[in-house]
Amino acid sequence: MGLLFYSIAGDEVGEIIREKIEAEITGKRLEKFHSIEALAVRLQDPKGKPEVAVLHASSRVELLELVCLSELLQDIRIVLILPDRDPSTVARGHKLRPRFITDRENDCWEITTILKRLLLQPEESEKATPSIVQ
């Protein structure tokens, strides 16, 4: 079990975030997915779920597709990157019950800081409440 990263193929912001995660988070296997279909197949795999998933929604439509996978994402701690800060987008994002929410415009150093905390201190992070950065 390790870390799962989802971002649609070819998204520049998603690539920057992935590169930052790979540079900062060592010692954990990073599974990368670039389509909702591939992500859904992986989440149905009986070999075990990842500890943490970083889900980057580059659009509202993509966020809705991720929300459709919410049953498969149960019991996975989620870091969610939203396409914008619109209240309706944030409300949809909360349906995934993420541990941390941010958007595409924020600096990705926050994401790696949160990931380190979630991966290194799972007992404490289970008790933590979700954080929102705006």
Protein backbone atom coordinates (compact mmCIF):
# COMPACT_ATOMS: atom_id res chain seq x y z
CA MET A 1 0.00 0.00 0.00
CA GLY A 2 1.20 3.48 -0.70
CA LEU A 3 0.25 6.64 -2.47
CA LEU A 4 -2.07 7.04 -5.43
CA PHE A 5 -2.03 10.08 -7.74
CA TYR A 6 -4.71 10.95 -10.28
CA SER A 7 -4.57 13.74 -12.83
CA ILE A 8 -5.79 13.74 -16.40
CA ALA A 9 -3.03 13.19 -18.97
CA GLY A 10 -1.43 16.33 -20.36
CA ASP A 11 -2.52 18.70 -17.59
CA GLU A 12 0.41 21.01 -16.83
CA VAL A 13 -0.64 21.78 -13.25
CA GLY A 14 -1.13 18.08 -12.57
CA GLU A 15 2.37 17.32 -13.88
CA ILE A 16 3.90 19.98 -11.64
CA ILE A 17 2.10 18.56 -8.61
CA ARG A 18 3.15 15.00 -9.47
CA GLU A 19 6.79 16.03 -9.91
CA LYS A 20 6.75 17.83 -6.55
CA ILE A 21 5.26 14.77 -4.84
CA GLU A 22 7.85 12.46 -6.39
CA ALA A 23 10.65 14.79 -5.28
CA GLU A 24 9.39 15.27 -1.72
CA ILE A 25 7.78 11.96 -0.81
CA THR A 26 10.35 9.20 -0.86
CA GLY A 27 10.01 5.66 0.40
CA LYS A 28 6.42 5.27 -0.77
CA ARG A 29 5.35 3.73 -4.03
CA LEU A 30 3.48 6.27 -6.18
CA GLU A 31 0.80 4.80 -8.42
CA LYS A 32 -0.11 7.24 -11.21
CA PHE A 33 -3.38 7.28 -13.12
CA HIS A 34 -4.39 9.54 -16.00
CA SER A 35 -7.95 8.42 -16.69
CA ILE A 36 -11.04 7.93 -14.56
CA GLU A 37 -11.50 4.48 -16.10
CA ALA A 38 -8.01 3.30 -15.10
CA LEU A 39 -8.48 4.75 -11.62
CA ALA A 40 -11.79 2.90 -11.21
CA VAL A 41 -10.21 -0.39 -12.27
CA ARG A 42 -7.38 0.06 -9.76
CA LEU A 43 -9.76 0.93 -6.92
CA GLN A 44 -11.66 -2.30 -7.57
CA ASP A 45 -8.48 -4.37 -7.33
CA PRO A 46 -8.69 -6.72 -4.35
CA LYS A 47 -4.94 -6.51 -3.65
CA GLY A 48 -5.52 -3.59 -1.33
CA LYS A 49 -6.25 0.08 -1.38
CA PRO A 50 -3.66 2.83 -1.13
CA GLU A 51 -3.16 4.67 2.15
CA VAL A 52 -3.63 8.09 0.59
CA ALA A 53 -4.94 9.34 -2.75
CA VAL A 54 -4.14 12.71 -4.31
CA LEU A 55 -6.98 13.51 -6.70
CA HIS A 56 -6.52 16.45 -9.06
CA ALA A 57 -9.74 17.51 -10.78
CA SER A 58 -8.88 19.85 -13.63
CA SER A 59 -12.53 20.68 -14.37
CA ARG A 60 -15.95 20.54 -12.74
CA VAL A 61 -16.93 17.68 -15.04
CA GLU A 62 -13.88 15.70 -13.92
CA LEU A 63 -14.76 16.41 -10.28
CA LEU A 64 -18.23 14.96 -10.87
CA GLU A 65 -16.64 11.85 -12.37
CA LEU A 66 -14.48 11.49 -9.26
CA VAL A 67 -17.52 11.93 -7.02
CA CYS A 68 -19.12 9.02 -8.88
CA LEU A 69 -16.24 6.88 -7.56
CA SER A 70 -16.90 7.86 -3.94
CA GLU A 71 -17.89 4.33 -2.89
CA LEU A 72 -14.59 2.98 -4.23
CA LEU A 73 -12.71 5.74 -2.42
CA GLN A 74 -14.12 4.92 1.01
CA ASP A 75 -11.46 4.24 3.63
CA ILE A 76 -8.79 6.08 1.62
CA ARG A 77 -7.49 9.36 2.96
CA ILE A 78 -7.92 11.89 0.16
CA VAL A 79 -6.09 15.07 -0.73
CA LEU A 80 -8.34 16.84 -3.23
CA ILE A 81 -7.24 19.52 -5.67
CA LEU A 82 -10.24 21.38 -7.06
CA PRO A 83 -10.46 23.24 -10.40
CA ASP A 84 -11.69 26.45 -8.74
CA ARG A 85 -12.89 27.98 -5.46
CA ASP A 86 -16.54 28.34 -6.39
CA PRO A 87 -18.74 27.38 -3.41
CA SER A 88 -20.64 24.79 -5.47
CA THR A 89 -17.36 23.19 -6.54
CA VAL A 90 -16.14 23.06 -2.94
CA ALA A 91 -19.46 21.54 -1.86
CA ARG A 92 -19.17 18.82 -4.52
CA GLY A 93 -15.61 18.14 -3.46
CA HIS A 94 -16.72 17.55 0.12
CA LYS A 95 -18.80 14.59 -1.07
CA LEU A 96 -15.50 12.69 -1.36
CA ARG A 97 -14.78 13.37 2.34
CA PRO A 98 -11.22 14.56 1.76
CA ARG A 99 -8.70 15.16 4.55
CA PHE A 100 -7.43 18.26 2.73
CA ILE A 101 -8.89 20.45 -0.02
CA THR A 102 -7.05 23.01 -2.10
CA ASP A 103 -7.35 24.31 -5.65
CA ARG A 104 -5.18 24.50 -8.74
CA GLU A 105 -4.05 28.04 -7.97
CA ASN A 106 -2.38 27.28 -4.64
CA ASP A 107 1.26 26.40 -4.23
CA CYS A 108 1.83 22.64 -4.22
CA TRP A 109 4.21 22.77 -1.23
CA GLU A 110 1.10 22.59 0.97
CA ILE A 111 0.12 19.31 -0.66
CA THR A 112 3.45 17.64 0.06
CA THR A 113 3.40 18.91 3.64
CA ILE A 114 -0.04 17.39 4.19
CA LEU A 115 0.97 14.15 2.46
CA LYS A 116 3.97 13.75 4.74
CA ARG A 117 1.72 14.19 7.74
CA LEU A 118 -0.87 11.70 6.46
CA LEU A 119 1.72 9.09 5.49
CA LEU A 120 3.98 9.35 8.51
CA GLN A 121 1.41 9.76 11.25
CA PRO A 122 -1.65 7.77 10.19
CA GLU A 123 -3.06 7.36 13.70
CA GLU A 124 -3.09 11.08 14.40
CA SER A 125 -4.34 12.05 10.95
CA GLU A 126 -7.32 9.71 11.34
CA LYS A 127 -8.49 11.97 14.17
CA ALA A 128 -7.80 15.19 12.28
CA THR A 129 -10.58 17.22 10.77
CA PRO A 130 -10.51 18.15 7.08
CA SER A 131 -8.62 21.33 6.21
CA ILE A 132 -9.59 23.87 3.59
CA VAL A 133 -7.18 26.33 2.03
CA GLN A 134 -8.64 29.35 0.31
